[in-house]
Amino acid sequence: MGGPVRSASHDRVKRRVLQEAVAENLDTIRGLPPRAVRPAPRALRLWLKRTPFVLLPLMLAGTAYMMTTDQAQAPAPIRAAAAVVRPVFQAAEATPQVERVTATAFPLAVRRVVLDAGHGGTDPGATAAELLEKEITLDIGRRLRTKLEGDGFEVVVTRDSDKTIALRERARLANDSRSDIFVSIHVNALLKHTDARGIETYYLGATTDPKLTQLAAAENRVSGYSIADMRALLDGVYADARRDESMALAGAVQRELFTTLRKADPGLENWGVKRAPFLVLVATDMPAVLAEVGCISNEKEAAMLRRPEYRQQIADALFAGIRGYAKKGSENNG
């Protein structure tokens, strides 16, 4: 008789512990605090306080028993509770937690800068008032390179003359150089809004604005990439840290551009920092931005972009933005 009695007693203990474990899980699902922090009879609190090493293994064993025992043999309340708890365990096993990577986890320093003068060769870019975007961006890029090298930065350029270079090749040059940041220089053209003039700076990200999608499509036209390359490119958009640093760089560049150029052109508008899927930003491995430093479709601004001294002011503003971003990064790492 001792054997069956002990077995029945053991089963009762397992059922009681199982019910307690299920109740705890259901309380958690309902958002209730753990029972240990709720008011309880003094004797129960004392028992729980003195027997943690006994209770915990029993609870774990009871939970495992619930998950493996045929539900048809369990009491009705336990079957109902198991139906609620099992999906929670399964979801936790099937969906691992993915922690967001923050830029503060990485020591960042800026020593080598890639300058990308937009368009070139057979791709003139935006055109207006006998001005070509490819010529403006190349001239500003040269001026900016002089400023950066004079301040001790190493500079890599994607083009130093009027030649056609696909976006794929620009990204390859940048990545192979193992540079720290990438700055692409462009000029805007708004043919339906020729009275508008402003500056804006982009970093990589999705957008729901159809105008920005259209702009990205125009910039991505001469890319050198095929559809088969798209998955690899999208896989490269991986690190939150890279995106955060790109946003910080874009903010620094945009602030300096607007602050500097507004002095020469009081009517200039600040169009801000924006996200857009420019391929040249997708394919580069380092923090990257694309700066639209003017609006060639506006008659007044086109006249200013024609002036060498105004282009120098643009180069000075870009330099100040890059230098400010680099200085802030070095201070954070110090």
C-alpha atoms as a PDB file:
ATOM      1  CA  MET A   1       0.000   0.000   0.000  1.00  0.00           C
ATOM      2  CA  GLY A   2       2.905   2.357   0.675  1.00  0.00           C
ATOM      3  CA  GLY A   3       3.849   2.526  -2.985  1.00  0.00           C
ATOM      4  CA  PRO A   4       0.440   3.611  -4.353  1.00  0.00           C
ATOM      5  CA  VAL A   5      -0.057   6.025  -1.448  1.00  0.00           C
ATOM      6  CA  ARG A   6       3.287   7.698  -2.029  1.00  0.00           C
ATOM      7  CA  SER A   7       2.558   7.866  -5.761  1.00  0.00           C
ATOM      8  CA  ALA A   8      -0.851   9.472  -5.193  1.00  0.00           C
ATOM      9  CA  SER A   9       0.671  11.943  -2.739  1.00  0.00           C
ATOM     10  CA  HIS A  10       3.428  12.772  -5.180  1.00  0.00           C
ATOM     11  CA  ASP A  11       0.869  13.349  -7.960  1.00  0.00           C
ATOM     12  CA  ARG A  12      -1.115  15.686  -5.701  1.00  0.00           C
ATOM     13  CA  VAL A  13       2.028  17.709  -4.987  1.00  0.00           C
ATOM     14  CA  LYS A  14       2.829  17.905  -8.688  1.00  0.00           C
ATOM     15  CA  ARG A  15      -0.720  19.026  -9.495  1.00  0.00           C
ATOM     16  CA  ARG A  16      -0.637  21.689  -6.757  1.00  0.00           C
ATOM     17  CA  VAL A  17       2.731  23.033  -7.887  1.00  0.00           C
ATOM     18  CA  LEU A  18       1.576  22.886 -11.502  1.00  0.00           C
ATOM     19  CA  GLN A  19      -1.536  24.903 -10.658  1.00  0.00           C
ATOM     20  CA  GLU A  20       0.593  27.495  -8.847  1.00  0.00           C
ATOM     21  CA  ALA A  21       2.975  27.766 -11.792  1.00  0.00           C
ATOM     22  CA  VAL A  22       0.089  28.161 -14.246  1.00  0.00           C
ATOM     23  CA  ALA A  23      -1.534  30.766 -11.997  1.00  0.00           C
ATOM     24  CA  GLU A  24       1.731  32.757 -11.894  1.00  0.00           C
ATOM     25  CA  ASN A  25       2.006  32.636 -15.686  1.00  0.00           C
ATOM     26  CA  LEU A  26      -1.591  33.747 -16.155  1.00  0.00           C
ATOM     27  CA  ASP A  27      -1.077  36.590 -13.676  1.00  0.00           C
ATOM     28  CA  THR A  28       1.938  37.694 -15.668  1.00  0.00           C
ATOM     29  CA  ILE A  29      -0.038  37.621 -18.909  1.00  0.00           C
ATOM     30  CA  ARG A  30      -2.759  39.733 -17.266  1.00  0.00           C
ATOM     31  CA  GLY A  31      -0.164  42.289 -16.138  1.00  0.00           C
ATOM     32  CA  LEU A  32      -0.440  41.530 -12.419  1.00  0.00           C
ATOM     33  CA  PRO A  33       2.624  41.856 -10.182  1.00  0.00           C
ATOM     34  CA  PRO A  34       4.338  38.686  -8.975  1.00  0.00           C
ATOM     35  CA  ARG A  35       2.554  37.038  -6.094  1.00  0.00           C
ATOM     36  CA  ALA A  36       5.691  37.354  -3.993  1.00  0.00           C
ATOM     37  CA  VAL A  37       5.174  41.121  -3.769  1.00  0.00           C
ATOM     38  CA  ARG A  38       1.437  40.919  -3.038  1.00  0.00           C
ATOM     39  CA  PRO A  39      -0.028  40.655   0.528  1.00  0.00           C
ATOM     40  CA  ALA A  40      -0.140  37.048   1.747  1.00  0.00           C
ATOM     41  CA  PRO A  41      -0.735  35.205   5.009  1.00  0.00           C
ATOM     42  CA  ARG A  42       2.219  35.357   7.341  1.00  0.00           C
ATOM     43  CA  ALA A  43       2.663  31.576   7.420  1.00  0.00           C
ATOM     44  CA  LEU A  44       2.729  31.384   3.615  1.00  0.00           C
ATOM     45  CA  ARG A  45       5.244  34.240   3.348  1.00  0.00           C
ATOM     46  CA  LEU A  46       7.435  32.524   5.919  1.00  0.00           C
ATOM     47  CA  TRP A  47       7.218  29.194   4.072  1.00  0.00           C
ATOM     48  CA  LEU A  48       8.076  30.791   0.741  1.00  0.00           C
ATOM     49  CA  LYS A  49      10.962  32.679   2.295  1.00  0.00           C
ATOM     50  CA  ARG A  50      12.487  29.557   3.809  1.00  0.00           C
ATOM     51  CA  THR A  51      11.970  27.096   0.972  1.00  0.00           C
ATOM     52  CA  PRO A  52      13.065  28.801  -2.274  1.00  0.00           C
ATOM     53  CA  PHE A  53      15.467  26.034  -3.212  1.00  0.00           C
ATOM     54  CA  VAL A  54      12.663  23.493  -2.945  1.00  0.00           C
ATOM     55  CA  LEU A  55       9.912  25.523  -4.593  1.00  0.00           C
ATOM     56  CA  LEU A  56      11.838  26.643  -7.661  1.00  0.00           C
ATOM     57  CA  PRO A  57      12.847  23.158  -8.882  1.00  0.00           C
ATOM     58  CA  LEU A  58       9.300  21.934  -8.278  1.00  0.00           C
ATOM     59  CA  MET A  59       7.834  24.822 -10.276  1.00  0.00           C
ATOM     60  CA  LEU A  60      10.205  24.157 -13.142  1.00  0.00           C
ATOM     61  CA  ALA A  61       9.428  20.459 -13.031  1.00  0.00           C
ATOM     62  CA  GLY A  62       5.712  21.225 -12.941  1.00  0.00           C
ATOM     63  CA  THR A  63       5.956  23.537 -15.951  1.00  0.00           C
ATOM     64  CA  ALA A  64       7.914  20.934 -17.895  1.00  0.00           C
ATOM     65  CA  TYR A  65       5.345  18.329 -16.864  1.00  0.00           C
ATOM     66  CA  MET A  66       2.557  20.551 -18.157  1.00  0.00           C
ATOM     67  CA  MET A  67       4.276  21.100 -21.478  1.00  0.00           C
ATOM     68  CA  THR A  68       4.957  17.398 -22.047  1.00  0.00           C
ATOM     69  CA  THR A  69       1.967  15.610 -20.479  1.00  0.00           C
ATOM     70  CA  ASP A  70      -0.988  14.717 -22.664  1.00  0.00           C
ATOM     71  CA  GLN A  71      -3.589  17.416 -22.067  1.00  0.00           C
ATOM     72  CA  ALA A  72      -6.379  14.830 -22.101  1.00  0.00           C
ATOM     73  CA  GLN A  73      -5.092  13.408 -18.792  1.00  0.00           C
ATOM     74  CA  ALA A  74      -4.943  16.767 -17.023  1.00  0.00           C
ATOM     75  CA  PRO A  75      -7.813  18.392 -15.121  1.00  0.00           C
ATOM     76  CA  ALA A  76      -9.965  20.829 -17.092  1.00  0.00           C
ATOM     77  CA  PRO A  77      -8.572  24.036 -15.455  1.00  0.00           C
ATOM     78  CA  ILE A  78      -5.024  22.956 -16.214  1.00  0.00           C
ATOM     79  CA  ARG A  79      -5.894  22.091 -19.832  1.00  0.00           C
ATOM     80  CA  ALA A  80      -7.366  25.571 -20.295  1.00  0.00           C
ATOM     81  CA  ALA A  81      -4.357  27.251 -18.692  1.00  0.00           C
ATOM     82  CA  ALA A  82      -1.938  25.168 -20.751  1.00  0.00           C
ATOM     83  CA  ALA A  83      -3.686  26.299 -23.932  1.00  0.00           C
ATOM     84  CA  VAL A  84      -2.895  29.884 -22.948  1.00  0.00           C
ATOM     85  CA  VAL A  85       0.626  29.347 -21.656  1.00  0.00           C
ATOM     86  CA  ARG A  86       1.965  27.042 -24.396  1.00  0.00           C
ATOM     87  CA  PRO A  87       1.773  29.658 -27.225  1.00  0.00           C
ATOM     88  CA  VAL A  88       3.629  32.102 -24.986  1.00  0.00           C
ATOM     89  CA  PHE A  89       6.498  29.640 -24.495  1.00  0.00           C
ATOM     90  CA  GLN A  90       6.500  28.723 -28.189  1.00  0.00           C
ATOM     91  CA  ALA A  91       6.547  32.378 -29.261  1.00  0.00           C
ATOM     92  CA  ALA A  92       9.429  33.100 -26.908  1.00  0.00           C
ATOM     93  CA  GLU A  93      11.410  30.188 -28.366  1.00  0.00           C
ATOM     94  CA  ALA A  94      10.578  31.041 -31.987  1.00  0.00           C
ATOM     95  CA  THR A  95      11.224  34.797 -31.769  1.00  0.00           C
ATOM     96  CA  PRO A  96      14.579  35.690 -30.223  1.00  0.00           C
ATOM     97  CA  GLN A  97      14.944  39.194 -28.900  1.00  0.00           C
ATOM     98  CA  VAL A  98      17.008  41.459 -31.198  1.00  0.00           C
ATOM     99  CA  GLU A  99      18.602  44.356 -29.401  1.00  0.00           C
ATOM    100  CA  ARG A 100      19.091  47.608 -31.252  1.00  0.00           C
ATOM    101  CA  VAL A 101      22.718  48.549 -31.872  1.00  0.00           C
ATOM    102  CA  THR A 102      23.541  52.075 -30.719  1.00  0.00           C
ATOM    103  CA  ALA A 103      26.356  54.243 -31.962  1.00  0.00           C
ATOM    104  CA  THR A 104      27.704  54.730 -28.448  1.00  0.00           C
ATOM    105  CA  ALA A 105      28.887  51.125 -28.505  1.00  0.00           C
ATOM    106  CA  PHE A 106      31.584  51.932 -31.042  1.00  0.00           C
ATOM    107  CA  PRO A 107      34.623  54.224 -30.818  1.00  0.00           C
ATOM    108  CA  LEU A 108      34.311  56.471 -33.857  1.00  0.00           C
ATOM    109  CA  ALA A 109      36.987  58.726 -35.295  1.00  0.00           C
ATOM    110  CA  VAL A 110      37.059  60.545 -38.616  1.00  0.00           C
ATOM    111  CA  ARG A 111      40.393  60.635 -40.385  1.00  0.00           C
ATOM    112  CA  ARG A 112      39.601  59.712 -44.004  1.00  0.00           C
ATOM    113  CA  VAL A 113      36.740  61.313 -45.946  1.00  0.00           C
ATOM    114  CA  VAL A 114      35.275  60.291 -49.300  1.00  0.00           C
ATOM    115  CA  LEU A 115      34.092  63.213 -51.419  1.00  0.00           C
ATOM    116  CA  ASP A 116      31.692  62.331 -54.199  1.00  0.00           C
ATOM    117  CA  ALA A 117      31.060  65.055 -56.777  1.00  0.00           C
ATOM    118  CA  GLY A 118      27.670  64.090 -58.191  1.00  0.00           C
ATOM    119  CA  HIS A 119      27.206  63.101 -61.861  1.00  0.00           C
ATOM    120  CA  GLY A 120      29.912  63.726 -64.482  1.00  0.00           C
ATOM    121  CA  GLY A 121      30.832  62.818 -68.069  1.00  0.00           C
ATOM    122  CA  THR A 122      27.795  61.765 -70.071  1.00  0.00           C
ATOM    123  CA  ASP A 123      25.592  62.354 -67.026  1.00  0.00           C
ATOM    124  CA  PRO A 124      25.275  66.147 -66.618  1.00  0.00           C
ATOM    125  CA  GLY A 125      22.799  66.011 -63.748  1.00  0.00           C
ATOM    126  CA  ALA A 126      20.466  68.964 -63.367  1.00  0.00           C
ATOM    127  CA  THR A 127      20.757  71.722 -65.958  1.00  0.00           C
ATOM    128  CA  ALA A 128      19.428  75.278 -66.014  1.00  0.00           C
ATOM    129  CA  ALA A 129      20.521  78.704 -67.188  1.00  0.00           C
ATOM    130  CA  GLU A 130      23.458  77.129 -69.080  1.00  0.00           C
ATOM    131  CA  LEU A 131      24.710  75.643 -65.827  1.00  0.00           C
ATOM    132  CA  LEU A 132      25.490  71.952 -65.392  1.00  0.00           C
ATOM    133  CA  GLU A 133      25.240  70.208 -62.028  1.00  0.00           C
ATOM    134  CA  LYS A 134      28.276  68.055 -62.795  1.00  0.00           C
ATOM    135  CA  GLU A 135      30.473  71.167 -63.152  1.00  0.00           C
ATOM    136  CA  ILE A 136      29.199  72.808 -59.976  1.00  0.00           C
ATOM    137  CA  THR A 137      29.652  69.713 -57.838  1.00  0.00           C
ATOM    138  CA  LEU A 138      33.159  69.035 -59.163  1.00  0.00           C
ATOM    139  CA  ASP A 139      34.271  72.599 -58.428  1.00  0.00           C
ATOM    140  CA  ILE A 140      32.815  72.557 -54.900  1.00  0.00           C
ATOM    141  CA  GLY A 141      34.381  69.123 -54.302  1.00  0.00           C
ATOM    142  CA  ARG A 142      37.819  70.409 -55.267  1.00  0.00           C
ATOM    143  CA  ARG A 143      37.499  73.412 -52.971  1.00  0.00           C
ATOM    144  CA  LEU A 144      36.296  71.210 -50.116  1.00  0.00           C
ATOM    145  CA  ARG A 145      39.166  68.785 -50.631  1.00  0.00           C
ATOM    146  CA  THR A 146      41.666  71.615 -50.249  1.00  0.00           C
ATOM    147  CA  LYS A 147      40.037  72.695 -46.987  1.00  0.00           C
ATOM    148  CA  LEU A 148      39.954  69.189 -45.535  1.00  0.00           C
ATOM    149  CA  GLU A 149      43.532  68.307 -46.472  1.00  0.00           C
ATOM    150  CA  GLY A 150      44.701  71.621 -45.045  1.00  0.00           C
ATOM    151  CA  ASP A 151      43.138  70.589 -41.728  1.00  0.00           C
ATOM    152  CA  GLY A 152      44.834  67.198 -41.655  1.00  0.00           C
ATOM    153  CA  PHE A 153      42.112  64.955 -43.085  1.00  0.00           C
ATOM    154  CA  GLU A 154      42.878  62.309 -45.662  1.00  0.00           C
ATOM    155  CA  VAL A 155      40.615  62.711 -48.681  1.00  0.00           C
ATOM    156  CA  VAL A 156      39.502  60.173 -51.277  1.00  0.00           C
ATOM    157  CA  VAL A 157      37.559  61.431 -54.307  1.00  0.00           C
ATOM    158  CA  THR A 158      35.295  59.383 -56.545  1.00  0.00           C
ATOM    159  CA  ARG A 159      36.079  61.618 -59.493  1.00  0.00           C
ATOM    160  CA  ASP A 160      38.566  64.437 -60.044  1.00  0.00           C
ATOM    161  CA  SER A 161      37.611  65.279 -63.629  1.00  0.00           C
ATOM    162  CA  ASP A 162      34.617  65.335 -65.958  1.00  0.00           C
ATOM    163  CA  LYS A 163      34.135  61.601 -66.427  1.00  0.00           C
ATOM    164  CA  THR A 164      31.286  59.154 -66.098  1.00  0.00           C
ATOM    165  CA  ILE A 165      31.444  56.940 -63.022  1.00  0.00           C
ATOM    166  CA  ALA A 166      28.578  54.624 -62.147  1.00  0.00           C
ATOM    167  CA  LEU A 167      27.231  54.666 -58.611  1.00  0.00           C
ATOM    168  CA  ARG A 168      28.450  51.099 -58.190  1.00  0.00           C
ATOM    169  CA  GLU A 169      32.022  52.166 -58.901  1.00  0.00           C
ATOM    170  CA  ARG A 170      31.752  55.147 -56.582  1.00  0.00           C
ATOM    171  CA  ALA A 171      30.644  52.878 -53.754  1.00  0.00           C
ATOM    172  CA  ARG A 172      33.430  50.388 -54.515  1.00  0.00           C
ATOM    173  CA  LEU A 173      36.063  53.141 -54.408  1.00  0.00           C
ATOM    174  CA  ALA A 174      34.690  54.368 -51.101  1.00  0.00           C
ATOM    175  CA  ASN A 175      34.518  50.924 -49.508  1.00  0.00           C
ATOM    176  CA  ASP A 176      37.939  49.840 -50.735  1.00  0.00           C
ATOM    177  CA  SER A 177      39.478  52.997 -49.280  1.00  0.00           C
ATOM    178  CA  ARG A 178      38.201  52.037 -45.803  1.00  0.00           C
ATOM    179  CA  SER A 179      37.200  55.625 -45.244  1.00  0.00           C
ATOM    180  CA  ASP A 180      35.308  56.884 -42.204  1.00  0.00           C
ATOM    181  CA  ILE A 181      32.551  58.961 -43.818  1.00  0.00           C
ATOM    182  CA  PHE A 182      31.108  59.565 -47.267  1.00  0.00           C
ATOM    183  CA  VAL A 183      29.798  62.943 -48.489  1.00  0.00           C
ATOM    184  CA  SER A 184      28.064  63.210 -51.855  1.00  0.00           C
ATOM    185  CA  ILE A 185      27.577  66.710 -53.312  1.00  0.00           C
ATOM    186  CA  HIS A 186      24.575  67.517 -55.501  1.00  0.00           C
ATOM    187  CA  VAL A 187      22.448  70.409 -56.716  1.00  0.00           C
ATOM    188  CA  ASN A 188      18.657  70.333 -56.745  1.00  0.00           C
ATOM    189  CA  ALA A 189      16.269  71.133 -59.600  1.00  0.00           C
ATOM    190  CA  LEU A 190      12.536  71.699 -59.045  1.00  0.00           C
ATOM    191  CA  LEU A 191      11.135  72.369 -62.479  1.00  0.00           C
ATOM    192  CA  LYS A 192       7.539  72.831 -61.275  1.00  0.00           C
ATOM    193  CA  HIS A 193       8.525  75.115 -58.404  1.00  0.00           C
ATOM    194  CA  THR A 194      11.147  77.423 -59.856  1.00  0.00           C
ATOM    195  CA  ASP A 195      10.425  80.068 -57.237  1.00  0.00           C
ATOM    196  CA  ALA A 196      11.615  77.749 -54.460  1.00  0.00           C
ATOM    197  CA  ARG A 197      15.192  77.717 -53.278  1.00  0.00           C
ATOM    198  CA  GLY A 198      16.655  75.890 -50.337  1.00  0.00           C
ATOM    199  CA  ILE A 199      19.126  73.323 -49.118  1.00  0.00           C
ATOM    200  CA  GLU A 200      18.616  69.827 -47.724  1.00  0.00           C
ATOM    201  CA  THR A 201      20.774  66.911 -46.616  1.00  0.00           C
ATOM    202  CA  TYR A 202      19.867  63.245 -46.877  1.00  0.00           C
ATOM    203  CA  TYR A 203      20.866  60.096 -45.087  1.00  0.00           C
ATOM    204  CA  LEU A 204      19.829  56.554 -45.875  1.00  0.00           C
ATOM    205  CA  GLY A 205      16.322  55.492 -44.950  1.00  0.00           C
ATOM    206  CA  ALA A 206      12.898  54.667 -46.265  1.00  0.00           C
ATOM    207  CA  THR A 207      10.501  57.449 -47.226  1.00  0.00           C
ATOM    208  CA  THR A 208       6.776  57.651 -47.864  1.00  0.00           C
ATOM    209  CA  ASP A 209       7.102  60.961 -49.717  1.00  0.00           C
ATOM    210  CA  PRO A 210       6.488  60.318 -53.456  1.00  0.00           C
ATOM    211  CA  LYS A 211       8.554  63.374 -54.360  1.00  0.00           C
ATOM    212  CA  LEU A 212      11.583  61.982 -52.536  1.00  0.00           C
ATOM    213  CA  THR A 213      11.035  58.581 -54.136  1.00  0.00           C
ATOM    214  CA  GLN A 214      11.010  60.257 -57.548  1.00  0.00           C
ATOM    215  CA  LEU A 215      14.161  62.210 -56.684  1.00  0.00           C
ATOM    216  CA  ALA A 216      15.934  59.032 -55.545  1.00  0.00           C
ATOM    217  CA  ALA A 217      14.882  57.260 -58.742  1.00  0.00           C
ATOM    218  CA  ALA A 218      16.373  60.064 -60.815  1.00  0.00           C
ATOM    219  CA  GLU A 219      19.645  59.996 -58.885  1.00  0.00           C
ATOM    220  CA  ASN A 220      19.774  56.182 -59.044  1.00  0.00           C
ATOM    221  CA  ARG A 221      19.205  56.024 -62.799  1.00  0.00           C
ATOM    222  CA  VAL A 222      22.858  55.621 -63.823  1.00  0.00           C
ATOM    223  CA  SER A 223      23.796  53.171 -61.092  1.00  0.00           C
ATOM    224  CA  GLY A 224      25.492  50.174 -62.712  1.00  0.00           C
ATOM    225  CA  TYR A 225      23.515  47.837 -60.426  1.00  0.00           C
ATOM    226  CA  SER A 226      21.211  45.067 -61.579  1.00  0.00           C
ATOM    227  CA  ILE A 227      18.086  43.705 -59.924  1.00  0.00           C
ATOM    228  CA  ALA A 228      20.125  40.689 -58.829  1.00  0.00           C
ATOM    229  CA  ASP A 229      22.296  43.008 -56.734  1.00  0.00           C
ATOM    230  CA  MET A 230      19.376  44.442 -54.804  1.00  0.00           C
ATOM    231  CA  ARG A 231      19.215  41.795 -52.067  1.00  0.00           C
ATOM    232  CA  ALA A 232      22.896  42.201 -51.269  1.00  0.00           C
ATOM    233  CA  LEU A 233      22.439  45.958 -51.134  1.00  0.00           C
ATOM    234  CA  LEU A 234      19.472  45.708 -48.804  1.00  0.00           C
ATOM    235  CA  ASP A 235      21.369  43.289 -46.567  1.00  0.00           C
ATOM    236  CA  GLY A 236      24.016  45.978 -46.324  1.00  0.00           C
ATOM    237  CA  VAL A 237      21.540  48.349 -44.683  1.00  0.00           C
ATOM    238  CA  TYR A 238      22.200  46.552 -41.460  1.00  0.00           C
ATOM    239  CA  ALA A 239      23.512  48.592 -38.608  1.00  0.00           C
ATOM    240  CA  ASP A 240      21.547  51.043 -36.544  1.00  0.00           C
ATOM    241  CA  ALA A 241      24.878  52.584 -35.580  1.00  0.00           C
ATOM    242  CA  ARG A 242      25.676  53.436 -39.198  1.00  0.00           C
ATOM    243  CA  ARG A 243      22.255  54.978 -39.675  1.00  0.00           C
ATOM    244  CA  ASP A 244      22.500  56.996 -36.469  1.00  0.00           C
ATOM    245  CA  GLU A 245      25.932  58.314 -37.384  1.00  0.00           C
ATOM    246  CA  SER A 246      24.726  59.180 -40.891  1.00  0.00           C
ATOM    247  CA  MET A 247      21.856  61.144 -39.352  1.00  0.00           C
ATOM    248  CA  ALA A 248      24.255  62.965 -37.022  1.00  0.00           C
ATOM    249  CA  LEU A 249      26.573  63.817 -39.931  1.00  0.00           C
ATOM    250  CA  ALA A 250      23.614  65.024 -42.017  1.00  0.00           C
ATOM    251  CA  GLY A 251      22.472  67.238 -39.161  1.00  0.00           C
ATOM    252  CA  ALA A 252      25.908  68.807 -38.743  1.00  0.00           C
ATOM    253  CA  VAL A 253      26.268  69.446 -42.482  1.00  0.00           C
ATOM    254  CA  GLN A 254      22.759  70.866 -42.835  1.00  0.00           C
ATOM    255  CA  ARG A 255      23.190  73.268 -39.914  1.00  0.00           C
ATOM    256  CA  GLU A 256      26.417  74.686 -41.284  1.00  0.00           C
ATOM    257  CA  LEU A 257      25.117  74.958 -44.841  1.00  0.00           C
ATOM    258  CA  PHE A 258      22.035  76.881 -43.803  1.00  0.00           C
ATOM    259  CA  THR A 259      23.802  79.090 -41.259  1.00  0.00           C
ATOM    260  CA  THR A 260      26.576  80.027 -43.685  1.00  0.00           C
ATOM    261  CA  LEU A 261      24.615  80.412 -46.914  1.00  0.00           C
ATOM    262  CA  ARG A 262      21.684  82.252 -45.346  1.00  0.00           C
ATOM    263  CA  LYS A 263      24.052  85.165 -44.709  1.00  0.00           C
ATOM    264  CA  ALA A 264      24.678  85.502 -48.446  1.00  0.00           C
ATOM    265  CA  ASP A 265      21.083  84.722 -49.437  1.00  0.00           C
ATOM    266  CA  PRO A 266      18.489  85.849 -46.851  1.00  0.00           C
ATOM    267  CA  GLY A 267      15.698  84.194 -48.859  1.00  0.00           C
ATOM    268  CA  LEU A 268      17.259  80.736 -48.627  1.00  0.00           C
ATOM    269  CA  GLU A 269      15.017  78.107 -47.024  1.00  0.00           C
ATOM    270  CA  ASN A 270      16.067  75.360 -44.648  1.00  0.00           C
ATOM    271  CA  TRP A 271      14.511  72.162 -46.015  1.00  0.00           C
ATOM    272  CA  GLY A 272      16.116  70.120 -43.271  1.00  0.00           C
ATOM    273  CA  VAL A 273      17.527  66.627 -42.847  1.00  0.00           C
ATOM    274  CA  LYS A 274      15.615  63.886 -44.659  1.00  0.00           C
ATOM    275  CA  ARG A 275      15.751  60.175 -45.357  1.00  0.00           C
ATOM    276  CA  ALA A 276      15.817  58.731 -48.870  1.00  0.00           C
ATOM    277  CA  PRO A 277      16.996  55.482 -50.526  1.00  0.00           C
ATOM    278  CA  PHE A 278      19.761  56.889 -52.734  1.00  0.00           C
ATOM    279  CA  LEU A 279      21.781  53.936 -53.994  1.00  0.00           C
ATOM    280  CA  VAL A 280      25.061  55.699 -53.405  1.00  0.00           C
ATOM    281  CA  LEU A 281      24.105  55.783 -49.707  1.00  0.00           C
ATOM    282  CA  VAL A 282      22.826  52.204 -49.678  1.00  0.00           C
ATOM    283  CA  ALA A 283      25.997  50.719 -51.132  1.00  0.00           C
ATOM    284  CA  THR A 284      28.577  52.470 -48.967  1.00  0.00           C
ATOM    285  CA  ASP A 285      29.750  50.798 -45.756  1.00  0.00           C
ATOM    286  CA  MET A 286      30.443  53.948 -43.735  1.00  0.00           C
ATOM    287  CA  PRO A 287      28.190  56.754 -42.457  1.00  0.00           C
ATOM    288  CA  ALA A 288      27.087  58.565 -45.591  1.00  0.00           C
ATOM    289  CA  VAL A 289      25.120  61.663 -46.571  1.00  0.00           C
ATOM    290  CA  LEU A 290      24.009  63.371 -49.751  1.00  0.00           C
ATOM    291  CA  ALA A 291      23.873  67.173 -49.625  1.00  0.00           C
ATOM    292  CA  GLU A 292      21.731  69.177 -52.041  1.00  0.00           C
ATOM    293  CA  VAL A 293      23.680  72.416 -51.702  1.00  0.00           C
ATOM    294  CA  GLY A 294      21.553  74.601 -53.938  1.00  0.00           C
ATOM    295  CA  CYS A 295      18.584  74.825 -56.274  1.00  0.00           C
ATOM    296  CA  ILE A 296      19.686  75.362 -59.843  1.00  0.00           C
ATOM    297  CA  SER A 297      16.106  75.728 -61.093  1.00  0.00           C
ATOM    298  CA  ASN A 298      15.714  79.022 -59.195  1.00  0.00           C
ATOM    299  CA  GLU A 299      16.958  81.937 -61.282  1.00  0.00           C
ATOM    300  CA  LYS A 300      18.437  83.881 -58.379  1.00  0.00           C
ATOM    301  CA  GLU A 301      20.189  80.877 -56.904  1.00  0.00           C
ATOM    302  CA  ALA A 302      21.484  79.775 -60.293  1.00  0.00           C
ATOM    303  CA  ALA A 303      23.140  83.175 -60.591  1.00  0.00           C
ATOM    304  CA  MET A 304      24.741  82.725 -57.183  1.00  0.00           C
ATOM    305  CA  LEU A 305      25.916  79.180 -57.989  1.00  0.00           C
ATOM    306  CA  ARG A 306      27.678  80.618 -61.007  1.00  0.00           C
ATOM    307  CA  ARG A 307      29.894  82.755 -58.766  1.00  0.00           C
ATOM    308  CA  PRO A 308      33.199  81.172 -57.569  1.00  0.00           C
ATOM    309  CA  GLU A 309      33.028  82.991 -54.227  1.00  0.00           C
ATOM    310  CA  TYR A 310      29.595  81.481 -53.468  1.00  0.00           C
ATOM    311  CA  ARG A 311      30.850  78.000 -54.328  1.00  0.00           C
ATOM    312  CA  GLN A 312      33.697  78.634 -51.914  1.00  0.00           C
ATOM    313  CA  GLN A 313      31.172  79.507 -49.227  1.00  0.00           C
ATOM    314  CA  ILE A 314      29.415  76.207 -49.875  1.00  0.00           C
ATOM    315  CA  ALA A 315      32.733  74.360 -49.573  1.00  0.00           C
ATOM    316  CA  ASP A 316      33.490  76.235 -46.342  1.00  0.00           C
ATOM    317  CA  ALA A 317      30.093  75.267 -44.909  1.00  0.00           C
ATOM    318  CA  LEU A 318      30.537  71.609 -45.838  1.00  0.00           C
ATOM    319  CA  PHE A 319      33.974  71.657 -44.255  1.00  0.00           C
ATOM    320  CA  ALA A 320      32.594  73.170 -41.056  1.00  0.00           C
ATOM    321  CA  GLY A 321      29.888  70.499 -40.890  1.00  0.00           C
ATOM    322  CA  ILE A 322      32.340  67.642 -41.409  1.00  0.00           C
ATOM    323  CA  ARG A 323      34.839  69.097 -38.976  1.00  0.00           C
ATOM    324  CA  GLY A 324      32.147  69.696 -36.351  1.00  0.00           C
ATOM    325  CA  TYR A 325      30.904  66.124 -36.670  1.00  0.00           C
ATOM    326  CA  ALA A 326      34.457  64.753 -36.433  1.00  0.00           C
ATOM    327  CA  LYS A 327      35.271  66.938 -33.419  1.00  0.00           C
ATOM    328  CA  LYS A 328      32.137  65.857 -31.574  1.00  0.00           C
ATOM    329  CA  GLY A 329      32.996  62.205 -32.237  1.00  0.00           C
ATOM    330  CA  SER A 330      36.520  62.618 -30.907  1.00  0.00           C
ATOM    331  CA  GLU A 331      35.215  64.356 -27.780  1.00  0.00           C
ATOM    332  CA  ASN A 332      32.777  61.503 -27.133  1.00  0.00           C
ATOM    333  CA  ASN A 333      35.602  59.000 -27.425  1.00  0.00           C
ATOM    334  CA  GLY A 334      37.962  60.959 -25.218  1.00  0.00           C
END
